[in-house]
Amino acid sequence: TPAIATAPEDVDKTGRADALPSYVTRIVYPASESTIPMGPGDFVVEAEISPRLDSEEQLILLLDGKAVGAPQPFPRWQLTNIFRGAHRLQVVRVNETGAEQSKSTEHTVYIMRPTVNR
């Protein structure tokens, strides 16, 4: 039988010398489809990212498709006075030019707040 050709040991498995890193960006808190209990609508959003951000990268939190605050280098946001109802959360990793590197899946959270009858 003919010999089977194998790739040299030092060849990158992707076949490309300029292979991009595999980014992981996900929301770890609150869980998707969770309910924030009665109160003023305050809660924390935490994300997990891999690999770590380099000095030119930032994270953006999107609430219902709109950025919350300025881009930041740490994966934790304190949200305050969020109105009752369903809201979509997503974290986006961007580079120094603002180009998207990766993003989390959207999480939906439900905010419960008291109503005032008049």
PDB file of N, CA and C in Angstrom:
ATOM      1  N   THR A   1       0.843  -1.189   0.000  1.00  0.00           N
ATOM      2  CA  THR A   1       0.000   0.000   0.000  1.00  0.00           C
ATOM      3  C   THR A   1       0.882   1.244   0.000  1.00  0.00           C
ATOM      4  N   PRO A   2       0.403   2.318  -0.664  1.00  0.00           N
ATOM      5  CA  PRO A   2       1.200   3.553  -0.699  1.00  0.00           C
ATOM      6  C   PRO A   2       1.217   4.228   0.667  1.00  0.00           C
ATOM      7  N   ALA A   3       2.299   4.953   0.936  1.00  0.00           N
ATOM      8  CA  ALA A   3       2.447   5.677   2.199  1.00  0.00           C
ATOM      9  C   ALA A   3       1.478   6.855   2.231  1.00  0.00           C
ATOM     10  N   ILE A   4       0.956   7.167   3.424  1.00  0.00           N
ATOM     11  CA  ILE A   4       0.041   8.301   3.608  1.00  0.00           C
ATOM     12  C   ILE A   4       0.863   9.507   4.005  1.00  0.00           C
ATOM     13  N   ALA A   5       0.662  10.615   3.288  1.00  0.00           N
ATOM     14  CA  ALA A   5       1.397  11.845   3.588  1.00  0.00           C
ATOM     15  C   ALA A   5       0.812  12.484   4.838  1.00  0.00           C
ATOM     16  N   THR A   6       1.672  12.918   5.726  1.00  0.00           N
ATOM     17  CA  THR A   6       1.228  13.612   6.939  1.00  0.00           C
ATOM     18  C   THR A   6       1.811  15.010   6.950  1.00  0.00           C
ATOM     19  N   ALA A   7       1.121  15.912   7.653  1.00  0.00           N
ATOM     20  CA  ALA A   7       1.594  17.291   7.758  1.00  0.00           C
ATOM     21  C   ALA A   7       2.767  17.347   8.720  1.00  0.00           C
ATOM     22  N   PRO A   8       3.746  18.209   8.446  1.00  0.00           N
ATOM     23  CA  PRO A   8       4.857  18.375   9.383  1.00  0.00           C
ATOM     24  C   PRO A   8       4.337  18.825  10.741  1.00  0.00           C
ATOM     25  N   GLU A   9       5.043  18.472  11.814  1.00  0.00           N
ATOM     26  CA  GLU A   9       4.628  18.792  13.179  1.00  0.00           C
ATOM     27  C   GLU A   9       4.513  20.285  13.450  1.00  0.00           C
ATOM     28  N   ASP A  10       5.303  21.127  12.782  1.00  0.00           N
ATOM     29  CA  ASP A  10       5.326  22.554  13.090  1.00  0.00           C
ATOM     30  C   ASP A  10       4.320  23.375  12.291  1.00  0.00           C
ATOM     31  N   VAL A  11       3.442  22.747  11.543  1.00  0.00           N
ATOM     32  CA  VAL A  11       2.450  23.474  10.759  1.00  0.00           C
ATOM     33  C   VAL A  11       1.256  23.793  11.643  1.00  0.00           C
ATOM     34  N   ASP A  12       0.772  25.038  11.559  1.00  0.00           N
ATOM     35  CA  ASP A  12      -0.416  25.456  12.305  1.00  0.00           C
ATOM     36  C   ASP A  12      -1.607  24.622  11.844  1.00  0.00           C
ATOM     37  N   LYS A  13      -2.429  24.164  12.779  1.00  0.00           N
ATOM     38  CA  LYS A  13      -3.568  23.305  12.456  1.00  0.00           C
ATOM     39  C   LYS A  13      -4.582  23.985  11.548  1.00  0.00           C
ATOM     40  N   THR A  14      -4.642  25.312  11.555  1.00  0.00           N
ATOM     41  CA  THR A  14      -5.586  26.013  10.697  1.00  0.00           C
ATOM     42  C   THR A  14      -5.069  26.129   9.286  1.00  0.00           C
ATOM     43  N   GLY A  15      -3.784  25.885   9.097  1.00  0.00           N
ATOM     44  CA  GLY A  15      -3.208  26.017   7.770  1.00  0.00           C
ATOM     45  C   GLY A  15      -2.848  27.447   7.419  1.00  0.00           C
ATOM     46  N   ARG A  16      -3.056  28.365   8.354  1.00  0.00           N
ATOM     47  CA  ARG A  16      -2.751  29.777   8.113  1.00  0.00           C
ATOM     48  C   ARG A  16      -1.794  30.266   9.181  1.00  0.00           C
ATOM     49  N   ALA A  17      -0.792  30.987   8.761  1.00  0.00           N
ATOM     50  CA  ALA A  17       0.166  31.543   9.716  1.00  0.00           C
ATOM     51  C   ALA A  17      -0.437  32.701  10.500  1.00  0.00           C
ATOM     52  N   ASP A  18      -1.429  33.380   9.905  1.00  0.00           N
ATOM     53  CA  ASP A  18      -2.028  34.563  10.540  1.00  0.00           C
ATOM     54  C   ASP A  18      -3.385  34.239  11.169  1.00  0.00           C
ATOM     55  N   ALA A  19      -3.565  33.035  11.673  1.00  0.00           N
ATOM     56  CA  ALA A  19      -4.847  32.623  12.247  1.00  0.00           C
ATOM     57  C   ALA A  19      -5.236  33.546  13.406  1.00  0.00           C
ATOM     58  N   LEU A  20      -6.508  33.970  13.408  1.00  0.00           N
ATOM     59  CA  LEU A  20      -7.015  34.850  14.459  1.00  0.00           C
ATOM     60  C   LEU A  20      -7.356  34.036  15.696  1.00  0.00           C
ATOM     61  N   PRO A  21      -7.216  34.632  16.889  1.00  0.00           N
ATOM     62  CA  PRO A  21      -7.577  33.896  18.094  1.00  0.00           C
ATOM     63  C   PRO A  21      -9.080  33.634  18.138  1.00  0.00           C
ATOM     64  N   SER A  22      -9.467  32.590  18.817  1.00  0.00           N
ATOM     65  CA  SER A  22     -10.872  32.262  18.977  1.00  0.00           C
ATOM     66  C   SER A  22     -11.386  33.005  20.210  1.00  0.00           C
ATOM     67  N   TYR A  23     -12.317  33.943  20.006  1.00  0.00           N
ATOM     68  CA  TYR A  23     -12.836  34.744  21.102  1.00  0.00           C
ATOM     69  C   TYR A  23     -14.087  34.110  21.689  1.00  0.00           C
ATOM     70  N   VAL A  24     -14.204  34.202  23.018  1.00  0.00           N
ATOM     71  CA  VAL A  24     -15.406  33.781  23.721  1.00  0.00           C
ATOM     72  C   VAL A  24     -15.902  34.985  24.504  1.00  0.00           C
ATOM     73  N   THR A  25     -17.142  35.364  24.284  1.00  0.00           N
ATOM     74  CA  THR A  25     -17.767  36.466  25.012  1.00  0.00           C
ATOM     75  C   THR A  25     -19.160  35.986  25.399  1.00  0.00           C
ATOM     76  N   ARG A  26     -19.420  35.942  26.717  1.00  0.00           N
ATOM     77  CA  ARG A  26     -20.740  35.484  27.153  1.00  0.00           C
ATOM     78  C   ARG A  26     -21.143  36.169  28.446  1.00  0.00           C
ATOM     79  N   ILE A  27     -22.438  36.315  28.621  1.00  0.00           N
ATOM     80  CA  ILE A  27     -22.992  36.888  29.845  1.00  0.00           C
ATOM     81  C   ILE A  27     -23.159  35.750  30.842  1.00  0.00           C
ATOM     82  N   VAL A  28     -22.588  35.926  32.039  1.00  0.00           N
ATOM     83  CA  VAL A  28     -22.710  34.895  33.075  1.00  0.00           C
ATOM     84  C   VAL A  28     -23.750  35.266  34.137  1.00  0.00           C
ATOM     85  N   TYR A  29     -24.067  36.558  34.262  1.00  0.00           N
ATOM     86  CA  TYR A  29     -25.086  36.997  35.211  1.00  0.00           C
ATOM     87  C   TYR A  29     -25.724  38.274  34.698  1.00  0.00           C
ATOM     88  N   PRO A  30     -27.023  38.385  34.699  1.00  0.00           N
ATOM     89  CA  PRO A  30     -28.021  37.407  35.106  1.00  0.00           C
ATOM     90  C   PRO A  30     -28.230  36.363  34.012  1.00  0.00           C
ATOM     91  N   ALA A  31     -28.773  35.239  34.403  1.00  0.00           N
ATOM     92  CA  ALA A  31     -29.054  34.170  33.443  1.00  0.00           C
ATOM     93  C   ALA A  31     -30.143  34.623  32.477  1.00  0.00           C
ATOM     94  N   SER A  32     -30.097  34.104  31.278  1.00  0.00           N
ATOM     95  CA  SER A  32     -31.133  34.425  30.299  1.00  0.00           C
ATOM     96  C   SER A  32     -32.486  33.931  30.799  1.00  0.00           C
ATOM     97  N   GLU A  33     -33.516  34.707  30.528  1.00  0.00           N
ATOM     98  CA  GLU A  33     -34.889  34.411  30.926  1.00  0.00           C
ATOM     99  C   GLU A  33     -35.104  34.526  32.439  1.00  0.00           C
ATOM    100  N   SER A  34     -34.198  35.213  33.142  1.00  0.00           N
ATOM    101  CA  SER A  34     -34.385  35.378  34.581  1.00  0.00           C
ATOM    102  C   SER A  34     -35.226  36.617  34.871  1.00  0.00           C
ATOM    103  N   THR A  35     -35.760  36.655  36.083  1.00  0.00           N
ATOM    104  CA  THR A  35     -36.589  37.773  36.516  1.00  0.00           C
ATOM    105  C   THR A  35     -35.872  38.519  37.634  1.00  0.00           C
ATOM    106  N   ILE A  36     -35.772  39.834  37.473  1.00  0.00           N
ATOM    107  CA  ILE A  36     -35.209  40.691  38.518  1.00  0.00           C
ATOM    108  C   ILE A  36     -36.382  41.054  39.418  1.00  0.00           C
ATOM    109  N   PRO A  37     -36.324  40.709  40.713  1.00  0.00           N
ATOM    110  CA  PRO A  37     -37.487  40.881  41.588  1.00  0.00           C
ATOM    111  C   PRO A  37     -37.854  42.347  41.825  1.00  0.00           C
ATOM    112  N   MET A  38     -38.970  42.511  42.507  1.00  0.00           N
ATOM    113  CA  MET A  38     -39.470  43.845  42.822  1.00  0.00           C
ATOM    114  C   MET A  38     -38.386  44.710  43.445  1.00  0.00           C
ATOM    115  N   GLY A  39     -38.363  45.928  43.066  1.00  0.00           N
ATOM    116  CA  GLY A  39     -37.381  46.866  43.587  1.00  0.00           C
ATOM    117  C   GLY A  39     -37.254  48.039  42.635  1.00  0.00           C
ATOM    118  N   PRO A  40     -36.169  48.785  42.748  1.00  0.00           N
ATOM    119  CA  PRO A  40     -36.010  49.985  41.929  1.00  0.00           C
ATOM    120  C   PRO A  40     -35.519  49.712  40.514  1.00  0.00           C
ATOM    121  N   GLY A  41     -35.338  48.458  40.122  1.00  0.00           N
ATOM    122  CA  GLY A  41     -34.858  48.153  38.770  1.00  0.00           C
ATOM    123  C   GLY A  41     -33.349  48.201  38.664  1.00  0.00           C
ATOM    124  N   ASP A  42     -32.649  47.921  39.768  1.00  0.00           N
ATOM    125  CA  ASP A  42     -31.185  47.925  39.792  1.00  0.00           C
ATOM    126  C   ASP A  42     -30.668  46.490  39.762  1.00  0.00           C
ATOM    127  N   PHE A  43     -29.662  46.228  38.924  1.00  0.00           N
ATOM    128  CA  PHE A  43     -29.030  44.917  38.907  1.00  0.00           C
ATOM    129  C   PHE A  43     -27.667  45.005  38.229  1.00  0.00           C
ATOM    130  N   VAL A  44     -26.880  43.954  38.407  1.00  0.00           N
ATOM    131  CA  VAL A  44     -25.521  43.879  37.875  1.00  0.00           C
ATOM    132  C   VAL A  44     -25.509  42.933  36.681  1.00  0.00           C
ATOM    133  N   VAL A  45     -24.708  43.279  35.666  1.00  0.00           N
ATOM    134  CA  VAL A  45     -24.467  42.393  34.532  1.00  0.00           C
ATOM    135  C   VAL A  45     -22.988  42.040  34.555  1.00  0.00           C
ATOM    136  N   GLU A  46     -22.695  40.742  34.483  1.00  0.00           N
ATOM    137  CA  GLU A  46     -21.307  40.280  34.455  1.00  0.00           C
ATOM    138  C   GLU A  46     -21.095  39.405  33.231  1.00  0.00           C
ATOM    139  N   ALA A  47     -19.923  39.582  32.605  1.00  0.00           N
ATOM    140  CA  ALA A  47     -19.582  38.809  31.415  1.00  0.00           C
ATOM    141  C   ALA A  47     -18.293  38.040  31.642  1.00  0.00           C
ATOM    142  N   GLU A  48     -18.118  37.020  30.839  1.00  0.00           N
ATOM    143  CA  GLU A  48     -16.875  36.248  30.840  1.00  0.00           C
ATOM    144  C   GLU A  48     -16.288  36.384  29.434  1.00  0.00           C
ATOM    145  N   ILE A  49     -14.997  36.675  29.364  1.00  0.00           N
ATOM    146  CA  ILE A  49     -14.345  36.830  28.071  1.00  0.00           C
ATOM    147  C   ILE A  49     -13.068  36.010  28.036  1.00  0.00           C
ATOM    148  N   SER A  50     -12.732  35.542  26.850  1.00  0.00           N
ATOM    149  CA  SER A  50     -11.505  34.787  26.667  1.00  0.00           C
ATOM    150  C   SER A  50     -11.050  34.963  25.231  1.00  0.00           C
ATOM    151  N   PRO A  51      -9.808  35.235  24.967  1.00  0.00           N
ATOM    152  CA  PRO A  51      -8.752  35.534  25.928  1.00  0.00           C
ATOM    153  C   PRO A  51      -8.980  36.897  26.569  1.00  0.00           C
ATOM    154  N   ARG A  52      -8.144  37.221  27.545  1.00  0.00           N
ATOM    155  CA  ARG A  52      -8.250  38.514  28.223  1.00  0.00           C
ATOM    156  C   ARG A  52      -8.141  39.646  27.210  1.00  0.00           C
ATOM    157  N   LEU A  53      -8.723  40.775  27.561  1.00  0.00           N
ATOM    158  CA  LEU A  53      -8.629  41.951  26.689  1.00  0.00           C
ATOM    159  C   LEU A  53      -7.187  42.417  26.608  1.00  0.00           C
ATOM    160  N   ASP A  54      -6.774  42.839  25.414  1.00  0.00           N
ATOM    161  CA  ASP A  54      -5.461  43.474  25.342  1.00  0.00           C
ATOM    162  C   ASP A  54      -5.662  44.964  25.584  1.00  0.00           C
ATOM    163  N   SER A  55      -4.596  45.725  25.593  1.00  0.00           N
ATOM    164  CA  SER A  55      -4.670  47.134  25.999  1.00  0.00           C
ATOM    165  C   SER A  55      -5.538  47.997  25.080  1.00  0.00           C
ATOM    166  N   GLU A  56      -5.768  47.575  23.844  1.00  0.00           N
ATOM    167  CA  GLU A  56      -6.583  48.378  22.922  1.00  0.00           C
ATOM    168  C   GLU A  56      -8.032  47.919  22.822  1.00  0.00           C
ATOM    169  N   GLU A  57      -8.391  46.835  23.487  1.00  0.00           N
ATOM    170  CA  GLU A  57      -9.753  46.319  23.377  1.00  0.00           C
ATOM    171  C   GLU A  57     -10.639  46.841  24.512  1.00  0.00           C
ATOM    172  N   GLN A  58     -11.947  46.879  24.239  1.00  0.00           N
ATOM    173  CA  GLN A  58     -12.934  47.364  25.199  1.00  0.00           C
ATOM    174  C   GLN A  58     -14.181  46.481  25.106  1.00  0.00           C
ATOM    175  N   LEU A  59     -15.055  46.628  26.082  1.00  0.00           N
ATOM    176  CA  LEU A  59     -16.337  45.924  26.090  1.00  0.00           C
ATOM    177  C   LEU A  59     -17.471  46.941  26.105  1.00  0.00           C
ATOM    178  N   ILE A  60     -18.532  46.604  25.406  1.00  0.00           N
ATOM    179  CA  ILE A  60     -19.724  47.454  25.353  1.00  0.00           C
ATOM    180  C   ILE A  60     -20.909  46.597  25.776  1.00  0.00           C
ATOM    181  N   LEU A  61     -21.729  47.124  26.684  1.00  0.00           N
ATOM    182  CA  LEU A  61     -22.971  46.455  27.056  1.00  0.00           C
ATOM    183  C   LEU A  61     -24.097  47.099  26.267  1.00  0.00           C
ATOM    184  N   LEU A  62     -24.890  46.256  25.610  1.00  0.00           N
ATOM    185  CA  LEU A  62     -26.068  46.738  24.888  1.00  0.00           C
ATOM    186  C   LEU A  62     -27.310  46.352  25.678  1.00  0.00           C
ATOM    187  N   LEU A  63     -28.168  47.335  25.919  1.00  0.00           N
ATOM    188  CA  LEU A  63     -29.463  47.117  26.567  1.00  0.00           C
ATOM    189  C   LEU A  63     -30.513  47.461  25.530  1.00  0.00           C
ATOM    190  N   ASP A  64     -31.254  46.474  25.088  1.00  0.00           N
ATOM    191  CA  ASP A  64     -32.254  46.657  24.032  1.00  0.00           C
ATOM    192  C   ASP A  64     -31.628  47.262  22.773  1.00  0.00           C
ATOM    193  N   GLY A  65     -30.401  46.831  22.464  1.00  0.00           N
ATOM    194  CA  GLY A  65     -29.726  47.256  21.238  1.00  0.00           C
ATOM    195  C   GLY A  65     -28.985  48.574  21.326  1.00  0.00           C
ATOM    196  N   LYS A  66     -29.016  49.249  22.482  1.00  0.00           N
ATOM    197  CA  LYS A  66     -28.343  50.540  22.640  1.00  0.00           C
ATOM    198  C   LYS A  66     -27.248  50.428  23.691  1.00  0.00           C
ATOM    199  N   ALA A  67     -26.108  51.068  23.420  1.00  0.00           N
ATOM    200  CA  ALA A  67     -24.975  51.018  24.344  1.00  0.00           C
ATOM    201  C   ALA A  67     -25.318  51.672  25.675  1.00  0.00           C
ATOM    202  N   VAL A  68     -24.874  51.035  26.750  1.00  0.00           N
ATOM    203  CA  VAL A  68     -25.039  51.568  28.100  1.00  0.00           C
ATOM    204  C   VAL A  68     -23.689  52.150  28.503  1.00  0.00           C
ATOM    205  N   GLY A  69     -23.587  53.462  28.578  1.00  0.00           N
ATOM    206  CA  GLY A  69     -22.328  54.100  28.948  1.00  0.00           C
ATOM    207  C   GLY A  69     -21.271  53.971  27.859  1.00  0.00           C
ATOM    208  N   ALA A  70     -20.054  54.327  28.229  1.00  0.00           N
ATOM    209  CA  ALA A  70     -18.920  54.273  27.301  1.00  0.00           C
ATOM    210  C   ALA A  70     -18.296  52.882  27.309  1.00  0.00           C
ATOM    211  N   PRO A  71     -17.566  52.528  26.256  1.00  0.00           N
ATOM    212  CA  PRO A  71     -16.835  51.253  26.278  1.00  0.00           C
ATOM    213  C   PRO A  71     -15.890  51.216  27.480  1.00  0.00           C
ATOM    214  N   GLN A  72     -15.686  50.014  28.024  1.00  0.00           N
ATOM    215  CA  GLN A  72     -14.868  49.892  29.226  1.00  0.00           C
ATOM    216  C   GLN A  72     -14.008  48.629  29.161  1.00  0.00           C
ATOM    217  N   PRO A  73     -12.924  48.585  29.943  1.00  0.00           N
ATOM    218  CA  PRO A  73     -12.016  47.432  29.901  1.00  0.00           C
ATOM    219  C   PRO A  73     -12.344  46.313  30.885  1.00  0.00           C
ATOM    220  N   PHE A  74     -13.439  46.395  31.617  1.00  0.00           N
ATOM    221  CA  PHE A  74     -13.774  45.358  32.592  1.00  0.00           C
ATOM    222  C   PHE A  74     -15.192  44.843  32.338  1.00  0.00           C
ATOM    223  N   PRO A  75     -15.449  43.560  32.635  1.00  0.00           N
ATOM    224  CA  PRO A  75     -16.709  42.911  32.267  1.00  0.00           C
ATOM    225  C   PRO A  75     -17.812  42.959  33.325  1.00  0.00           C
ATOM    226  N   ARG A  76     -18.032  44.109  33.920  1.00  0.00           N
ATOM    227  CA  ARG A  76     -19.082  44.237  34.949  1.00  0.00           C
ATOM    228  C   ARG A  76     -19.745  45.609  34.824  1.00  0.00           C
ATOM    229  N   TRP A  77     -21.074  45.606  34.844  1.00  0.00           N
ATOM    230  CA  TRP A  77     -21.845  46.842  34.736  1.00  0.00           C
ATOM    231  C   TRP A  77     -22.899  46.872  35.830  1.00  0.00           C
ATOM    232  N   GLN A  78     -23.107  48.030  36.425  1.00  0.00           N
ATOM    233  CA  GLN A  78     -24.172  48.234  37.408  1.00  0.00           C
ATOM    234  C   GLN A  78     -25.263  49.040  36.712  1.00  0.00           C
ATOM    235  N   LEU A  79     -26.422  48.437  36.523  1.00  0.00           N
ATOM    236  CA  LEU A  79     -27.545  49.123  35.892  1.00  0.00           C
ATOM    237  C   LEU A  79     -28.496  49.614  36.972  1.00  0.00           C
ATOM    238  N   THR A  80     -29.022  50.802  36.788  1.00  0.00           N
ATOM    239  CA  THR A  80     -29.932  51.373  37.781  1.00  0.00           C
ATOM    240  C   THR A  80     -31.187  51.913  37.101  1.00  0.00           C
ATOM    241  N   ASN A  81     -32.282  51.826  37.834  1.00  0.00           N
ATOM    242  CA  ASN A  81     -33.562  52.389  37.418  1.00  0.00           C
ATOM    243  C   ASN A  81     -34.011  51.908  36.033  1.00  0.00           C
ATOM    244  N   ILE A  82     -33.898  50.595  35.803  1.00  0.00           N
ATOM    245  CA  ILE A  82     -34.350  50.025  34.540  1.00  0.00           C
ATOM    246  C   ILE A  82     -35.859  49.807  34.629  1.00  0.00           C
ATOM    247  N   PHE A  83     -36.580  50.247  33.627  1.00  0.00           N
ATOM    248  CA  PHE A  83     -38.037  50.151  33.639  1.00  0.00           C
ATOM    249  C   PHE A  83     -38.508  48.704  33.612  1.00  0.00           C
ATOM    250  N   ARG A  84     -39.715  48.496  34.102  1.00  0.00           N
ATOM    251  CA  ARG A  84     -40.282  47.155  34.148  1.00  0.00           C
ATOM    252  C   ARG A  84     -40.495  46.612  32.744  1.00  0.00           C
ATOM    253  N   GLY A  85     -40.519  45.285  32.662  1.00  0.00           N
ATOM    254  CA  GLY A  85     -40.758  44.625  31.380  1.00  0.00           C
ATOM    255  C   GLY A  85     -39.570  43.785  30.941  1.00  0.00           C
ATOM    256  N   ALA A  86     -39.636  43.313  29.707  1.00  0.00           N
ATOM    257  CA  ALA A  86     -38.579  42.470  29.140  1.00  0.00           C
ATOM    258  C   ALA A  86     -37.502  43.353  28.520  1.00  0.00           C
ATOM    259  N   HIS A  87     -36.247  42.974  28.743  1.00  0.00           N
ATOM    260  CA  HIS A  87     -35.108  43.716  28.178  1.00  0.00           C
ATOM    261  C   HIS A  87     -34.076  42.734  27.635  1.00  0.00           C
ATOM    262  N   ARG A  88     -33.442  43.120  26.530  1.00  0.00           N
ATOM    263  CA  ARG A  88     -32.403  42.305  25.904  1.00  0.00           C
ATOM    264  C   ARG A  88     -31.030  42.840  26.302  1.00  0.00           C
ATOM    265  N   LEU A  89     -30.132  41.930  26.699  1.00  0.00           N
ATOM    266  CA  LEU A  89     -28.761  42.283  27.074  1.00  0.00           C
ATOM    267  C   LEU A  89     -27.790  41.578  26.132  1.00  0.00           C
ATOM    268  N   GLN A  90     -26.724  42.282  25.753  1.00  0.00           N
ATOM    269  CA  GLN A  90     -25.680  41.672  24.926  1.00  0.00           C
ATOM    270  C   GLN A  90     -24.374  42.399  25.199  1.00  0.00           C
ATOM    271  N   VAL A  91     -23.259  41.662  25.247  1.00  0.00           N
ATOM    272  CA  VAL A  91     -21.929  42.236  25.449  1.00  0.00           C
ATOM    273  C   VAL A  91     -21.152  42.087  24.147  1.00  0.00           C
ATOM    274  N   VAL A  92     -20.506  43.190  23.730  1.00  0.00           N
ATOM    275  CA  VAL A  92     -19.735  43.208  22.487  1.00  0.00           C
ATOM    276  C   VAL A  92     -18.288  43.552  22.804  1.00  0.00           C
ATOM    277  N   ARG A  93     -17.366  42.786  22.251  1.00  0.00           N
ATOM    278  CA  ARG A  93     -15.918  43.027  22.385  1.00  0.00           C
ATOM    279  C   ARG A  93     -15.474  43.766  21.125  1.00  0.00           C
ATOM    280  N   VAL A  94     -14.844  44.935  21.314  1.00  0.00           N
ATOM    281  CA  VAL A  94     -14.401  45.742  20.173  1.00  0.00           C
ATOM    282  C   VAL A  94     -12.907  46.033  20.275  1.00  0.00           C
ATOM    283  N   ASN A  95     -12.289  46.292  19.127  1.00  0.00           N
ATOM    284  CA  ASN A  95     -10.871  46.641  19.122  1.00  0.00           C
ATOM    285  C   ASN A  95     -10.711  48.162  19.175  1.00  0.00           C
ATOM    286  N   GLU A  96      -9.483  48.650  19.015  1.00  0.00           N
ATOM    287  CA  GLU A  96      -9.197  50.087  19.162  1.00  0.00           C
ATOM    288  C   GLU A  96      -9.926  50.955  18.141  1.00  0.00           C
ATOM    289  N   THR A  97     -10.318  50.392  16.994  1.00  0.00           N
ATOM    290  CA  THR A  97     -11.042  51.173  15.988  1.00  0.00           C
ATOM    291  C   THR A  97     -12.554  51.069  16.162  1.00  0.00           C
ATOM    292  N   GLY A  98     -12.999  50.275  17.141  1.00  0.00           N
ATOM    293  CA  GLY A  98     -14.424  50.085  17.368  1.00  0.00           C
ATOM    294  C   GLY A  98     -15.014  48.929  16.580  1.00  0.00           C
ATOM    295  N   ALA A  99     -14.161  48.185  15.867  1.00  0.00           N
ATOM    296  CA  ALA A  99     -14.644  47.042  15.093  1.00  0.00           C
ATOM    297  C   ALA A  99     -14.951  45.877  16.037  1.00  0.00           C
ATOM    298  N   GLU A 100     -16.063  45.220  15.786  1.00  0.00           N
ATOM    299  CA  GLU A 100     -16.494  44.102  16.624  1.00  0.00           C
ATOM    300  C   GLU A 100     -15.551  42.914  16.471  1.00  0.00           C
ATOM    301  N   GLN A 101     -15.089  42.396  17.616  1.00  0.00           N
ATOM    302  CA  GLN A 101     -14.246  41.200  17.632  1.00  0.00           C
ATOM    303  C   GLN A 101     -15.105  39.965  17.895  1.00  0.00           C
ATOM    304  N   SER A 102     -16.036  40.093  18.846  1.00  0.00           N
ATOM    305  CA  SER A 102     -16.981  39.026  19.155  1.00  0.00           C
ATOM    306  C   SER A 102     -18.122  39.612  19.963  1.00  0.00           C
ATOM    307  N   LYS A 103     -19.184  38.832  20.115  1.00  0.00           N
ATOM    308  CA  LYS A 103     -20.303  39.283  20.943  1.00  0.00           C
ATOM    309  C   LYS A 103     -20.990  38.080  21.556  1.00  0.00           C
ATOM    310  N   SER A 104     -21.635  38.335  22.671  1.00  0.00           N
ATOM    311  CA  SER A 104     -22.373  37.274  23.361  1.00  0.00           C
ATOM    312  C   SER A 104     -23.707  37.054  22.665  1.00  0.00           C
ATOM    313  N   THR A 105     -24.361  35.970  23.021  1.00  0.00           N
ATOM    314  CA  THR A 105     -25.736  35.798  22.581  1.00  0.00           C
ATOM    315  C   THR A 105     -26.597  36.760  23.399  1.00  0.00           C
ATOM    316  N   GLU A 106     -27.750  37.104  22.885  1.00  0.00           N
ATOM    317  CA  GLU A 106     -28.641  37.992  23.630  1.00  0.00           C
ATOM    318  C   GLU A 106     -29.295  37.246  24.780  1.00  0.00           C
ATOM    319  N   HIS A 107     -29.359  37.916  25.915  1.00  0.00           N
ATOM    320  CA  HIS A 107     -30.084  37.400  27.075  1.00  0.00           C
ATOM    321  C   HIS A 107     -31.310  38.277  27.258  1.00  0.00           C
ATOM    322  N   THR A 108     -32.411  37.668  27.598  1.00  0.00           N
ATOM    323  CA  THR A 108     -33.609  38.428  27.930  1.00  0.00           C
ATOM    324  C   THR A 108     -33.815  38.332  29.429  1.00  0.00           C
ATOM    325  N   VAL A 109     -34.016  39.480  30.064  1.00  0.00           N
ATOM    326  CA  VAL A 109     -34.322  39.514  31.492  1.00  0.00           C
ATOM    327  C   VAL A 109     -35.635  40.263  31.669  1.00  0.00           C
ATOM    328  N   TYR A 110     -36.337  39.924  32.726  1.00  0.00           N
ATOM    329  CA  TYR A 110     -37.630  40.545  33.015  1.00  0.00           C
ATOM    330  C   TYR A 110     -37.521  41.315  34.319  1.00  0.00           C
ATOM    331  N   ILE A 111     -37.852  42.585  34.255  1.00  0.00           N
ATOM    332  CA  ILE A 111     -37.774  43.464  35.429  1.00  0.00           C
ATOM    333  C   ILE A 111     -39.183  43.612  36.000  1.00  0.00           C
ATOM    334  N   MET A 112     -39.321  43.326  37.286  1.00  0.00           N
ATOM    335  CA  MET A 112     -40.593  43.530  37.983  1.00  0.00           C
ATOM    336  C   MET A 112     -40.452  44.780  38.845  1.00  0.00           C
ATOM    337  N   ARG A 113     -41.378  45.673  38.720  1.00  0.00           N
ATOM    338  CA  ARG A 113     -41.381  46.878  39.551  1.00  0.00           C
ATOM    339  C   ARG A 113     -42.804  47.165  39.971  1.00  0.00           C
ATOM    340  N   PRO A 114     -42.965  47.750  41.143  1.00  0.00           N
ATOM    341  CA  PRO A 114     -44.326  48.068  41.583  1.00  0.00           C
ATOM    342  C   PRO A 114     -44.934  49.160  40.704  1.00  0.00           C
ATOM    343  N   THR A 115     -46.246  49.109  40.571  1.00  0.00           N
ATOM    344  CA  THR A 115     -46.950  50.157  39.840  1.00  0.00           C
ATOM    345  C   THR A 115     -47.776  50.964  40.819  1.00  0.00           C
ATOM    346  N   VAL A 116     -48.067  52.175  40.462  1.00  0.00           N
ATOM    347  CA  VAL A 116     -48.862  53.052  41.310  1.00  0.00           C
ATOM    348  C   VAL A 116     -50.210  53.250  40.649  1.00  0.00           C
ATOM    349  N   ASN A 117     -51.264  52.888  41.357  1.00  0.00           N
ATOM    350  CA  ASN A 117     -52.619  53.093  40.858  1.00  0.00           C
ATOM    351  C   ASN A 117     -53.092  54.484  41.265  1.00  0.00           C
ATOM    352  N   ARG A 118     -53.639  55.195  40.349  1.00  0.00           N
ATOM    353  CA  ARG A 118     -54.127  56.551  40.643  1.00  0.00           C
ATOM    354  C   ARG A 118     -55.584  56.656  40.381  1.00  0.00           C
TER     355      ARG A 118
END
